[in-house]
Structure formats: structure tokens, C-alpha cells
Amino acid sequence: MRILIVEDNAVARAVLRQALRRLGHEIVEAADGEAGWAALQNHGDVRVIVSDWTMPRGDGLELCRRIRARTDEEYAYFILLTARDGTEENRTEAADAGVDDFLSKPLDVDELWMRLRVAERILGYTRQVRQLEQMMPICTYCKKVRDDQNYWQQIEGYITARTGADFSHSVCPDCYQRVVLPEIAQLKAARQPPSTP
């Protein structure tokens, strides 16, 4: 797996690089948040970022916010590496920025290995979800959607079951002209009494 390291301390970056290479990963490096963002643009296949929190030119939380703001890219797992205390305030601030996981300094390689295993699992699930979202089987004629149990249902029910969204129904202008007005005309014609000779 290709991992982006974002760490301003050269020694800490070298320790992290060596640990990740020993674990069999390919490394991309950056010394601050701005360089990390640029590296991410140049290496589109990076799916895991291990970033220091406090850095010049864009800290780890700012970098994470920028990554989370991308809507057209695959999900990236963000691990924040920090010497800060794991207070509730710090954890909340990081979680609100979109951080997935924490590692405390000094680096514990066994802990890093476990976090990366979790990252691989989650990234696998996000890939599966994205594939499923891109391939929604829909009937060409009635527009019903087939779910995972091979049950065909109206698209509203399918989306409501997966997102909780509610729908209100209306008639678009095209259908009003093409369907509703002719139906009204038929009903009016059917209600008119037959003409007497």
C-alpha cells in the first residue's frame, strides 16, 4: 500500500519511513501540510496518510479537512501522529476535522501495524460500497431497483431503506402535458351524458 507521511521533523520522518518500509509499504514523504497536499495531488493512489498534528505551512488537521473536502476522490484513511495529550478536547477537535485514528509519539511499530490493518479493512469496505453505488440495477421499463436479496422494489423504497430519505411526489411539466391532461380529457369525455337524437 502507498502511504503518505507528513512530518516536519526529519528524524521522526525517517523513523516512520523505516517502520513503514519494514511493514512492506511504499512511501511518499512531505515535510509540512502544504507539501503533503501537493504530494497527494501528484500521487493519486495514496489511500493512507500518516500526519503529524503540529507543523508549519498547514498542520495535520488542516490537511485532513482539505482531504475530506474532496468529493470526487476515493476515501483516504487519515492517521494523526501526535505528541499532544489524548484529552477529550483534542480528540473531538481531530474527529471533527475528519481524522480516522491516532498514534502517539514516540512511535510504537506494533501499534502502527495494527492501525494499518484496520485502515486496509476499512478501505476495502469503502471500495466495495463505491462499486455497489456505481452499479444500481434498474429495470428499463418500470424503473424498479433490484436490491441485494434479488427483490425488485420502487426506487423510493430502495433509497429510503439505505439512507432514511423521505420523498414527496409531484408531477413534472412534461408528464403533466403528456399524461395528466390526456387523462383529464378522457375522464371529462366519459362523464358527459350521451347525446340524444
N, C-alpha and C. Protein backbone atom coordinates (compact mmCIF):
# COMPACT_ATOMS: atom_id res chain seq x y z
N MET A 1 0.85 -1.17 0.00
CA MET A 1 0.00 0.00 0.00
C MET A 1 0.90 1.24 0.00
N ARG A 2 0.48 2.27 -0.76
CA ARG A 2 1.25 3.52 -0.79
C ARG A 2 0.73 4.44 0.31
N ILE A 3 1.64 4.92 1.15
CA ILE A 3 1.29 5.74 2.32
C ILE A 3 2.02 7.07 2.23
N LEU A 4 1.28 8.14 2.50
CA LEU A 4 1.86 9.47 2.57
C LEU A 4 2.22 9.79 4.01
N ILE A 5 3.50 10.10 4.24
CA ILE A 5 3.97 10.56 5.55
C ILE A 5 4.08 12.08 5.49
N VAL A 6 3.48 12.76 6.45
CA VAL A 6 3.60 14.21 6.53
C VAL A 6 4.12 14.53 7.92
N GLU A 7 5.41 14.90 7.98
CA GLU A 7 6.09 15.12 9.27
C GLU A 7 7.19 16.14 9.07
N ASP A 8 7.18 17.21 9.88
CA ASP A 8 8.18 18.26 9.70
C ASP A 8 9.52 17.93 10.35
N ASN A 9 9.54 17.03 11.31
CA ASN A 9 10.78 16.64 11.98
C ASN A 9 11.46 15.55 11.14
N ALA A 10 12.66 15.86 10.63
CA ALA A 10 13.35 14.93 9.72
C ALA A 10 13.65 13.59 10.39
N VAL A 11 14.03 13.61 11.66
CA VAL A 11 14.35 12.36 12.37
C VAL A 11 13.09 11.52 12.54
N ALA A 12 12.00 12.14 12.99
CA ALA A 12 10.74 11.41 13.17
C ALA A 12 10.23 10.87 11.83
N ARG A 13 10.42 11.64 10.76
CA ARG A 13 10.00 11.19 9.43
C ARG A 13 10.81 9.98 9.00
N ALA A 14 12.12 9.99 9.28
CA ALA A 14 12.99 8.86 8.92
C ALA A 14 12.60 7.60 9.70
N VAL A 15 12.27 7.75 10.98
CA VAL A 15 11.84 6.61 11.81
C VAL A 15 10.54 6.03 11.25
N LEU A 16 9.61 6.91 10.92
CA LEU A 16 8.33 6.46 10.37
C LEU A 16 8.52 5.79 9.01
N ARG A 17 9.35 6.38 8.17
CA ARG A 17 9.65 5.81 6.84
C ARG A 17 10.20 4.39 6.99
N GLN A 18 11.19 4.24 7.87
CA GLN A 18 11.83 2.94 8.06
C GLN A 18 10.82 1.91 8.58
N ALA A 19 9.98 2.31 9.52
CA ALA A 19 8.99 1.38 10.08
C ALA A 19 7.99 0.95 9.01
N LEU A 20 7.53 1.88 8.20
CA LEU A 20 6.55 1.55 7.16
C LEU A 20 7.16 0.68 6.06
N ARG A 21 8.40 0.95 5.72
CA ARG A 21 9.06 0.10 4.71
C ARG A 21 9.26 -1.32 5.23
N ARG A 22 9.60 -1.44 6.50
CA ARG A 22 9.74 -2.78 7.09
C ARG A 22 8.42 -3.53 7.07
N LEU A 23 7.32 -2.78 7.16
CA LEU A 23 6.00 -3.40 7.11
C LEU A 23 5.53 -3.66 5.67
N GLY A 24 6.39 -3.30 4.70
CA GLY A 24 6.11 -3.63 3.30
C GLY A 24 5.35 -2.58 2.51
N HIS A 25 5.36 -1.34 2.97
CA HIS A 25 4.61 -0.30 2.29
C HIS A 25 5.51 0.61 1.47
N GLU A 26 4.93 1.20 0.44
CA GLU A 26 5.63 2.19 -0.38
C GLU A 26 5.34 3.57 0.22
N ILE A 27 6.35 4.42 0.25
CA ILE A 27 6.25 5.68 0.98
C ILE A 27 6.35 6.89 0.05
N VAL A 28 5.51 7.90 0.33
CA VAL A 28 5.62 9.23 -0.24
C VAL A 28 5.79 10.15 0.97
N GLU A 29 6.71 11.12 0.87
CA GLU A 29 7.02 11.95 2.04
C GLU A 29 6.77 13.42 1.78
N ALA A 30 6.42 14.13 2.86
CA ALA A 30 6.27 15.58 2.82
C ALA A 30 6.64 16.14 4.19
N ALA A 31 7.17 17.38 4.19
CA ALA A 31 7.66 17.98 5.43
C ALA A 31 6.66 18.92 6.10
N ASP A 32 5.53 19.21 5.45
CA ASP A 32 4.51 20.06 6.07
C ASP A 32 3.19 19.85 5.36
N GLY A 33 2.15 20.52 5.85
CA GLY A 33 0.81 20.33 5.29
C GLY A 33 0.68 20.71 3.84
N GLU A 34 1.29 21.83 3.43
CA GLU A 34 1.23 22.26 2.03
C GLU A 34 1.92 21.25 1.12
N ALA A 35 3.10 20.81 1.52
CA ALA A 35 3.82 19.81 0.73
C ALA A 35 3.06 18.48 0.71
N GLY A 36 2.39 18.16 1.81
CA GLY A 36 1.58 16.95 1.86
C GLY A 36 0.42 17.00 0.87
N TRP A 37 -0.24 18.18 0.81
CA TRP A 37 -1.34 18.36 -0.14
C TRP A 37 -0.84 18.22 -1.57
N ALA A 38 0.31 18.84 -1.86
CA ALA A 38 0.88 18.75 -3.21
C ALA A 38 1.24 17.30 -3.55
N ALA A 39 1.83 16.58 -2.59
CA ALA A 39 2.20 15.18 -2.82
C ALA A 39 0.97 14.33 -3.10
N LEU A 40 -0.12 14.63 -2.41
CA LEU A 40 -1.36 13.89 -2.62
C LEU A 40 -1.91 14.12 -4.03
N GLN A 41 -1.75 15.34 -4.54
CA GLN A 41 -2.20 15.63 -5.91
C GLN A 41 -1.36 14.88 -6.94
N ASN A 42 -0.08 14.69 -6.65
CA ASN A 42 0.83 14.02 -7.58
C ASN A 42 0.77 12.51 -7.50
N HIS A 43 0.28 11.99 -6.40
CA HIS A 43 0.20 10.53 -6.20
C HIS A 43 -1.25 10.18 -5.86
N GLY A 44 -2.07 10.07 -6.88
CA GLY A 44 -3.50 9.84 -6.70
C GLY A 44 -3.85 8.51 -6.07
N ASP A 45 -2.91 7.58 -6.03
CA ASP A 45 -3.22 6.26 -5.47
C ASP A 45 -2.88 6.15 -3.99
N VAL A 46 -2.56 7.26 -3.33
CA VAL A 46 -2.32 7.24 -1.88
C VAL A 46 -3.67 7.11 -1.19
N ARG A 47 -3.81 6.08 -0.37
CA ARG A 47 -5.08 5.86 0.34
C ARG A 47 -4.94 6.01 1.84
N VAL A 48 -3.69 6.08 2.35
CA VAL A 48 -3.46 6.26 3.78
C VAL A 48 -2.50 7.42 3.98
N ILE A 49 -2.84 8.29 4.93
CA ILE A 49 -1.98 9.41 5.29
C ILE A 49 -1.66 9.28 6.77
N VAL A 50 -0.36 9.33 7.10
CA VAL A 50 0.08 9.39 8.50
C VAL A 50 0.72 10.77 8.65
N SER A 51 0.07 11.62 9.43
CA SER A 51 0.49 13.02 9.51
C SER A 51 0.70 13.46 10.95
N ASP A 52 1.73 14.28 11.13
CA ASP A 52 1.93 14.97 12.40
C ASP A 52 0.81 15.98 12.57
N TRP A 53 0.51 16.34 13.79
CA TRP A 53 -0.53 17.33 14.04
C TRP A 53 0.03 18.74 13.84
N THR A 54 1.11 19.05 14.58
CA THR A 54 1.65 20.41 14.59
C THR A 54 2.80 20.52 13.61
N MET A 55 2.59 21.35 12.56
CA MET A 55 3.61 21.56 11.53
C MET A 55 3.47 22.97 10.98
N PRO A 56 4.53 23.49 10.38
CA PRO A 56 4.41 24.77 9.70
C PRO A 56 3.67 24.59 8.36
N ARG A 57 3.22 25.67 7.78
CA ARG A 57 2.57 25.67 6.46
C ARG A 57 1.46 24.63 6.36
N GLY A 58 0.55 24.67 7.30
CA GLY A 58 -0.59 23.75 7.26
C GLY A 58 -0.40 22.58 8.20
N ASP A 59 -1.14 22.57 9.32
CA ASP A 59 -0.98 21.46 10.27
C ASP A 59 -1.77 20.24 9.81
N GLY A 60 -1.69 19.19 10.60
CA GLY A 60 -2.34 17.93 10.22
C GLY A 60 -3.84 18.02 10.11
N LEU A 61 -4.48 18.81 10.99
CA LEU A 61 -5.94 18.94 10.92
C LEU A 61 -6.37 19.71 9.68
N GLU A 62 -5.62 20.74 9.33
CA GLU A 62 -5.93 21.50 8.12
C GLU A 62 -5.80 20.60 6.89
N LEU A 63 -4.75 19.79 6.85
CA LEU A 63 -4.57 18.86 5.74
C LEU A 63 -5.73 17.87 5.67
N CYS A 64 -6.13 17.34 6.82
CA CYS A 64 -7.23 16.39 6.86
C CYS A 64 -8.53 17.04 6.36
N ARG A 65 -8.80 18.26 6.78
CA ARG A 65 -10.01 18.97 6.31
C ARG A 65 -10.00 19.12 4.79
N ARG A 66 -8.85 19.44 4.24
CA ARG A 66 -8.75 19.61 2.78
C ARG A 66 -9.02 18.28 2.07
N ILE A 67 -8.50 17.21 2.64
CA ILE A 67 -8.72 15.88 2.05
C ILE A 67 -10.19 15.50 2.13
N ARG A 68 -10.82 15.77 3.26
CA ARG A 68 -12.24 15.44 3.42
C ARG A 68 -13.14 16.28 2.52
N ALA A 69 -12.67 17.46 2.14
CA ALA A 69 -13.48 18.33 1.27
C ALA A 69 -13.53 17.82 -0.17
N ARG A 70 -12.62 16.90 -0.53
CA ARG A 70 -12.66 16.34 -1.88
C ARG A 70 -13.85 15.40 -1.98
N THR A 71 -14.67 15.58 -2.96
CA THR A 71 -15.84 14.71 -3.09
C THR A 71 -15.72 13.72 -4.24
N ASP A 72 -14.79 13.96 -5.14
CA ASP A 72 -14.69 13.10 -6.32
C ASP A 72 -13.57 12.07 -6.22
N GLU A 73 -12.90 12.00 -5.08
CA GLU A 73 -11.78 11.08 -4.90
C GLU A 73 -12.19 9.91 -4.01
N GLU A 74 -11.45 8.82 -4.12
CA GLU A 74 -11.69 7.69 -3.23
C GLU A 74 -11.33 8.07 -1.80
N TYR A 75 -11.94 7.39 -0.85
CA TYR A 75 -11.72 7.70 0.56
C TYR A 75 -10.26 7.45 0.93
N ALA A 76 -9.70 8.36 1.72
CA ALA A 76 -8.34 8.21 2.23
C ALA A 76 -8.41 8.09 3.75
N TYR A 77 -7.70 7.14 4.29
CA TYR A 77 -7.68 6.90 5.74
C TYR A 77 -6.61 7.78 6.35
N PHE A 78 -6.98 8.57 7.36
CA PHE A 78 -6.09 9.58 7.93
C PHE A 78 -5.74 9.22 9.37
N ILE A 79 -4.44 8.98 9.60
CA ILE A 79 -3.94 8.69 10.95
C ILE A 79 -3.15 9.90 11.41
N LEU A 80 -3.52 10.44 12.56
CA LEU A 80 -2.85 11.61 13.11
C LEU A 80 -1.80 11.15 14.11
N LEU A 81 -0.56 11.56 13.87
CA LEU A 81 0.57 11.22 14.74
C LEU A 81 0.85 12.44 15.60
N THR A 82 0.79 12.29 16.92
CA THR A 82 0.90 13.48 17.76
C THR A 82 1.54 13.20 19.12
N ALA A 83 2.19 14.24 19.63
CA ALA A 83 2.73 14.20 21.00
C ALA A 83 1.74 14.85 21.96
N ARG A 84 0.65 15.39 21.44
CA ARG A 84 -0.35 16.04 22.28
C ARG A 84 -1.06 15.01 23.15
N ASP A 85 -1.55 15.48 24.28
CA ASP A 85 -2.31 14.60 25.17
C ASP A 85 -3.61 14.19 24.49
N GLY A 86 -4.05 13.00 24.79
CA GLY A 86 -5.29 12.49 24.21
C GLY A 86 -6.50 12.96 24.99
N THR A 87 -6.57 14.26 25.28
CA THR A 87 -7.70 14.80 26.02
C THR A 87 -8.95 14.72 25.16
N GLU A 88 -10.08 14.82 25.82
CA GLU A 88 -11.35 14.78 25.09
C GLU A 88 -11.44 15.94 24.10
N GLU A 89 -10.94 17.10 24.50
CA GLU A 89 -10.96 18.27 23.62
C GLU A 89 -10.13 18.03 22.36
N ASN A 90 -8.92 17.47 22.53
CA ASN A 90 -8.06 17.18 21.37
C ASN A 90 -8.67 16.12 20.47
N ARG A 91 -9.21 15.07 21.08
CA ARG A 91 -9.83 14.01 20.28
C ARG A 91 -11.04 14.53 19.51
N THR A 92 -11.84 15.38 20.16
CA THR A 92 -13.02 15.95 19.50
C THR A 92 -12.61 16.85 18.34
N GLU A 93 -11.59 17.68 18.56
CA GLU A 93 -11.12 18.57 17.50
C GLU A 93 -10.64 17.76 16.29
N ALA A 94 -9.90 16.70 16.55
CA ALA A 94 -9.38 15.87 15.47
C ALA A 94 -10.51 15.12 14.76
N ALA A 95 -11.43 14.57 15.53
CA ALA A 95 -12.55 13.84 14.92
C ALA A 95 -13.40 14.77 14.07
N ASP A 96 -13.62 15.99 14.54
CA ASP A 96 -14.40 16.96 13.77
C ASP A 96 -13.70 17.33 12.46
N ALA A 97 -12.38 17.25 12.44
CA ALA A 97 -11.63 17.54 11.21
C ALA A 97 -11.66 16.37 10.23
N GLY A 98 -12.08 15.19 10.71
CA GLY A 98 -12.17 14.02 9.83
C GLY A 98 -11.10 12.97 10.05
N VAL A 99 -10.32 13.10 11.13
CA VAL A 99 -9.26 12.13 11.42
C VAL A 99 -9.88 10.78 11.76
N ASP A 100 -9.29 9.71 11.22
CA ASP A 100 -9.80 8.36 11.46
C ASP A 100 -9.19 7.71 12.70
N ASP A 101 -7.92 8.01 12.97
CA ASP A 101 -7.23 7.30 14.05
C ASP A 101 -6.07 8.14 14.58
N PHE A 102 -5.59 7.77 15.76
CA PHE A 102 -4.49 8.46 16.43
C PHE A 102 -3.33 7.52 16.67
N LEU A 103 -2.14 8.05 16.59
CA LEU A 103 -0.94 7.38 17.08
C LEU A 103 -0.18 8.38 17.93
N SER A 104 0.28 7.93 19.08
CA SER A 104 1.03 8.82 19.97
C SER A 104 2.52 8.70 19.70
N LYS A 105 3.21 9.83 19.87
CA LYS A 105 4.67 9.82 19.80
C LYS A 105 5.19 9.50 21.19
N PRO A 106 6.28 8.78 21.33
CA PRO A 106 7.09 8.19 20.26
C PRO A 106 6.36 7.01 19.60
N LEU A 107 6.74 6.75 18.35
CA LEU A 107 6.07 5.75 17.53
C LEU A 107 6.26 4.34 18.09
N ASP A 108 5.16 3.61 18.18
CA ASP A 108 5.17 2.19 18.54
C ASP A 108 4.84 1.42 17.27
N VAL A 109 5.80 0.66 16.74
CA VAL A 109 5.64 -0.02 15.45
C VAL A 109 4.51 -1.05 15.49
N ASP A 110 4.35 -1.75 16.60
CA ASP A 110 3.26 -2.72 16.70
C ASP A 110 1.90 -2.03 16.62
N GLU A 111 1.78 -0.87 17.26
CA GLU A 111 0.55 -0.10 17.20
C GLU A 111 0.29 0.40 15.77
N LEU A 112 1.35 0.85 15.12
CA LEU A 112 1.25 1.30 13.73
C LEU A 112 0.76 0.17 12.84
N TRP A 113 1.33 -1.02 13.00
CA TRP A 113 0.94 -2.18 12.21
C TRP A 113 -0.56 -2.47 12.38
N MET A 114 -1.05 -2.42 13.63
CA MET A 114 -2.46 -2.69 13.89
C MET A 114 -3.35 -1.63 13.26
N ARG A 115 -2.97 -0.36 13.36
CA ARG A 115 -3.76 0.72 12.76
C ARG A 115 -3.84 0.56 11.24
N LEU A 116 -2.75 0.14 10.64
CA LEU A 116 -2.73 -0.04 9.18
C LEU A 116 -3.58 -1.24 8.75
N ARG A 117 -3.64 -2.26 9.58
CA ARG A 117 -4.52 -3.39 9.27
C ARG A 117 -5.98 -2.94 9.28
N VAL A 118 -6.34 -2.13 10.26
CA VAL A 118 -7.70 -1.58 10.32
C VAL A 118 -7.96 -0.70 9.10
N ALA A 119 -6.98 0.14 8.75
CA ALA A 119 -7.11 1.02 7.59
C ALA A 119 -7.36 0.20 6.32
N GLU A 120 -6.62 -0.88 6.13
CA GLU A 120 -6.80 -1.71 4.93
C GLU A 120 -8.20 -2.29 4.87
N ARG A 121 -8.71 -2.74 6.03
CA ARG A 121 -10.07 -3.31 6.07
C ARG A 121 -11.11 -2.25 5.71
N ILE A 122 -10.99 -1.08 6.32
CA ILE A 122 -11.97 -0.02 6.07
C ILE A 122 -11.90 0.45 4.62
N LEU A 123 -10.70 0.58 4.09
CA LEU A 123 -10.57 0.99 2.69
C LEU A 123 -11.16 -0.05 1.75
N GLY A 124 -11.02 -1.32 2.11
CA GLY A 124 -11.66 -2.38 1.31
C GLY A 124 -13.17 -2.24 1.31
N TYR A 125 -13.75 -1.94 2.48
CA TYR A 125 -15.20 -1.75 2.56
C TYR A 125 -15.65 -0.53 1.77
N THR A 126 -14.89 0.57 1.86
CA THR A 126 -15.29 1.77 1.12
C THR A 126 -15.22 1.53 -0.38
N ARG A 127 -14.28 0.72 -0.82
CA ARG A 127 -14.18 0.38 -2.25
C ARG A 127 -15.40 -0.43 -2.68
N GLN A 128 -15.81 -1.39 -1.84
CA GLN A 128 -16.99 -2.20 -2.17
C GLN A 128 -18.25 -1.35 -2.23
N VAL A 129 -18.40 -0.44 -1.27
CA VAL A 129 -19.58 0.42 -1.25
C VAL A 129 -19.61 1.30 -2.50
N ARG A 130 -18.48 1.83 -2.86
CA ARG A 130 -18.42 2.70 -4.05
C ARG A 130 -18.79 1.91 -5.31
N GLN A 131 -18.32 0.67 -5.40
CA GLN A 131 -18.67 -0.16 -6.55
C GLN A 131 -20.16 -0.45 -6.59
N LEU A 132 -20.74 -0.74 -5.42
CA LEU A 132 -22.17 -1.02 -5.37
C LEU A 132 -22.98 0.21 -5.75
N GLU A 133 -22.54 1.37 -5.27
CA GLU A 133 -23.25 2.60 -5.59
C GLU A 133 -23.20 2.91 -7.09
N GLN A 134 -22.12 2.51 -7.73
CA GLN A 134 -21.97 2.80 -9.15
C GLN A 134 -22.75 1.82 -10.02
N MET A 135 -23.17 0.69 -9.49
CA MET A 135 -23.87 -0.32 -10.28
C MET A 135 -25.23 -0.61 -9.66
N MET A 136 -26.17 0.27 -9.81
CA MET A 136 -27.51 0.05 -9.28
C MET A 136 -28.36 -0.56 -10.39
N PRO A 137 -28.75 -1.84 -10.24
CA PRO A 137 -29.56 -2.47 -11.28
C PRO A 137 -30.98 -1.92 -11.28
N ILE A 138 -31.40 -1.37 -12.40
CA ILE A 138 -32.72 -0.75 -12.50
C ILE A 138 -33.42 -1.27 -13.76
N CYS A 139 -34.71 -1.56 -13.63
CA CYS A 139 -35.50 -2.08 -14.74
C CYS A 139 -35.69 -0.98 -15.79
N THR A 140 -35.45 -1.32 -17.02
CA THR A 140 -35.59 -0.37 -18.12
C THR A 140 -37.04 0.10 -18.29
N TYR A 141 -38.00 -0.78 -17.97
CA TYR A 141 -39.40 -0.46 -18.21
C TYR A 141 -40.08 0.22 -17.03
N CYS A 142 -40.07 -0.43 -15.88
CA CYS A 142 -40.84 0.11 -14.74
C CYS A 142 -39.99 0.93 -13.76
N LYS A 143 -38.68 0.91 -13.95
CA LYS A 143 -37.73 1.67 -13.12
C LYS A 143 -37.63 1.17 -11.69
N LYS A 144 -38.03 -0.09 -11.44
CA LYS A 144 -37.80 -0.67 -10.12
C LYS A 144 -36.32 -1.02 -10.01
N VAL A 145 -35.82 -1.06 -8.76
CA VAL A 145 -34.42 -1.33 -8.49
C VAL A 145 -34.31 -2.67 -7.79
N ARG A 146 -33.30 -3.47 -8.18
CA ARG A 146 -33.06 -4.77 -7.54
C ARG A 146 -32.12 -4.58 -6.37
N ASP A 147 -32.51 -5.08 -5.19
CA ASP A 147 -31.65 -4.94 -4.01
C ASP A 147 -30.74 -6.16 -3.87
N ASP A 148 -30.01 -6.23 -2.76
CA ASP A 148 -29.03 -7.30 -2.54
C ASP A 148 -29.67 -8.68 -2.40
N GLN A 149 -30.97 -8.74 -2.05
CA GLN A 149 -31.65 -10.03 -1.90
C GLN A 149 -32.43 -10.41 -3.16
N ASN A 150 -32.11 -9.75 -4.28
CA ASN A 150 -32.75 -10.00 -5.56
C ASN A 150 -34.24 -9.67 -5.55
N TYR A 151 -34.62 -8.70 -4.73
CA TYR A 151 -36.00 -8.24 -4.63
C TYR A 151 -36.12 -6.93 -5.39
N TRP A 152 -37.12 -6.83 -6.26
CA TRP A 152 -37.33 -5.62 -7.06
C TRP A 152 -38.31 -4.71 -6.33
N GLN A 153 -37.93 -3.46 -6.15
CA GLN A 153 -38.80 -2.51 -5.45
C GLN A 153 -38.70 -1.14 -6.10
N GLN A 154 -39.67 -0.30 -5.79
CA GLN A 154 -39.65 1.06 -6.31
C GLN A 154 -38.39 1.76 -5.81
N ILE A 155 -37.86 2.64 -6.63
CA ILE A 155 -36.60 3.31 -6.29
C ILE A 155 -36.72 4.09 -4.99
N GLU A 156 -37.90 4.65 -4.70
CA GLU A 156 -38.08 5.39 -3.46
C GLU A 156 -37.85 4.49 -2.24
N GLY A 157 -38.41 3.28 -2.28
CA GLY A 157 -38.23 2.34 -1.17
C GLY A 157 -36.78 1.92 -1.02
N TYR A 158 -36.12 1.71 -2.15
CA TYR A 158 -34.71 1.30 -2.14
C TYR A 158 -33.85 2.38 -1.47
N ILE A 159 -34.04 3.63 -1.88
CA ILE A 159 -33.23 4.72 -1.34
C ILE A 159 -33.59 4.99 0.11
N THR A 160 -34.87 4.94 0.46
CA THR A 160 -35.30 5.17 1.85
C THR A 160 -34.68 4.13 2.78
N ALA A 161 -34.66 2.86 2.35
CA ALA A 161 -34.10 1.80 3.19
C ALA A 161 -32.61 1.99 3.45
N ARG A 162 -31.89 2.61 2.52
CA ARG A 162 -30.45 2.76 2.66
C ARG A 162 -30.02 4.10 3.24
N THR A 163 -30.86 5.12 3.10
CA THR A 163 -30.44 6.46 3.55
C THR A 163 -31.37 7.09 4.57
N GLY A 164 -32.60 6.60 4.67
CA GLY A 164 -33.57 7.22 5.56
C GLY A 164 -34.26 8.42 4.94
N ALA A 165 -33.97 8.70 3.67
CA ALA A 165 -34.57 9.85 3.00
C ALA A 165 -36.06 9.64 2.80
N ASP A 166 -36.83 10.72 2.91
CA ASP A 166 -38.26 10.69 2.62
C ASP A 166 -38.50 11.36 1.28
N PHE A 167 -39.57 10.95 0.60
CA PHE A 167 -39.88 11.50 -0.71
C PHE A 167 -41.25 12.14 -0.70
N SER A 168 -41.39 13.21 -1.42
CA SER A 168 -42.70 13.78 -1.71
C SER A 168 -42.87 13.63 -3.22
N HIS A 169 -44.09 13.39 -3.64
CA HIS A 169 -44.31 13.14 -5.06
C HIS A 169 -45.04 14.31 -5.70
N SER A 170 -44.71 14.55 -6.92
CA SER A 170 -45.30 15.61 -7.71
C SER A 170 -45.31 15.14 -9.17
N VAL A 171 -45.72 16.02 -10.05
CA VAL A 171 -45.74 15.69 -11.47
C VAL A 171 -44.91 16.74 -12.19
N CYS A 172 -43.97 16.28 -13.01
CA CYS A 172 -43.13 17.23 -13.75
C CYS A 172 -43.96 17.82 -14.90
N PRO A 173 -43.56 18.97 -15.44
CA PRO A 173 -44.32 19.60 -16.54
C PRO A 173 -44.49 18.71 -17.77
N ASP A 174 -43.46 17.94 -18.12
CA ASP A 174 -43.58 17.06 -19.29
C ASP A 174 -44.65 16.00 -19.08
N CYS A 175 -44.65 15.36 -17.90
CA CYS A 175 -45.64 14.31 -17.63
C CYS A 175 -47.04 14.92 -17.49
N TYR A 176 -47.11 16.14 -16.99
CA TYR A 176 -48.40 16.81 -16.89
C TYR A 176 -49.02 16.96 -18.28
N GLN A 177 -48.22 17.41 -19.24
CA GLN A 177 -48.71 17.59 -20.61
C GLN A 177 -49.00 16.25 -21.29
N ARG A 178 -48.07 15.30 -21.11
CA ARG A 178 -48.13 14.04 -21.85
C ARG A 178 -49.12 13.04 -21.24
N VAL A 179 -49.28 13.04 -19.89
CA VAL A 179 -50.08 12.01 -19.23
C VAL A 179 -51.33 12.60 -18.56
N VAL A 180 -51.15 13.60 -17.71
CA VAL A 180 -52.25 14.08 -16.88
C VAL A 180 -53.35 14.75 -17.72
N LEU A 181 -52.98 15.68 -18.59
CA LEU A 181 -54.01 16.36 -19.39
C LEU A 181 -54.82 15.39 -20.25
N PRO A 182 -54.18 14.42 -20.94
CA PRO A 182 -54.99 13.45 -21.69
C PRO A 182 -55.91 12.62 -20.78
N GLU A 183 -55.45 12.28 -19.57
CA GLU A 183 -56.31 11.52 -18.65
C GLU A 183 -57.51 12.36 -18.21
N ILE A 184 -57.28 13.64 -17.94
CA ILE A 184 -58.38 14.53 -17.56
C ILE A 184 -59.39 14.63 -18.70
N ALA A 185 -58.88 14.76 -19.92
CA ALA A 185 -59.76 14.85 -21.09
C ALA A 185 -60.59 13.57 -21.24
N GLN A 186 -59.99 12.41 -20.99
CA GLN A 186 -60.72 11.14 -21.06
C GLN A 186 -61.81 11.06 -20.00
N LEU A 187 -61.48 11.50 -18.78
CA LEU A 187 -62.48 11.48 -17.70
C LEU A 187 -63.65 12.40 -18.01
N LYS A 188 -63.35 13.58 -18.53
CA LYS A 188 -64.42 14.51 -18.88
C LYS A 188 -65.29 13.93 -19.97
N ALA A 189 -64.67 13.31 -20.95
CA ALA A 189 -65.44 12.70 -22.05
C ALA A 189 -66.31 11.57 -21.55
N ALA A 190 -65.81 10.81 -20.59
CA ALA A 190 -66.57 9.67 -20.06
C ALA A 190 -67.75 10.14 -19.22
N ARG A 191 -67.68 11.32 -18.61
CA ARG A 191 -68.75 11.82 -17.74
C ARG A 191 -69.86 12.52 -18.52
N GLN A 192 -69.61 12.91 -19.71
CA GLN A 192 -70.63 13.62 -20.49
C GLN A 192 -71.74 12.67 -20.83
N PRO A 193 -72.98 13.14 -20.64
CA PRO A 193 -74.12 12.24 -20.98
C PRO A 193 -74.17 12.01 -22.49
N PRO A 194 -74.62 10.86 -22.88
CA PRO A 194 -74.72 10.60 -24.32
C PRO A 194 -75.69 11.58 -24.96
N SER A 195 -75.40 11.99 -26.13
CA SER A 195 -76.26 12.93 -26.83
C SER A 195 -77.54 12.23 -27.30
N THR A 196 -78.68 12.95 -27.20
CA THR A 196 -79.96 12.36 -27.63
C THR A 196 -80.24 12.73 -29.09
N PRO A 197 -80.82 11.78 -29.86
CA PRO A 197 -81.09 12.06 -31.27
C PRO A 197 -82.27 12.98 -31.48
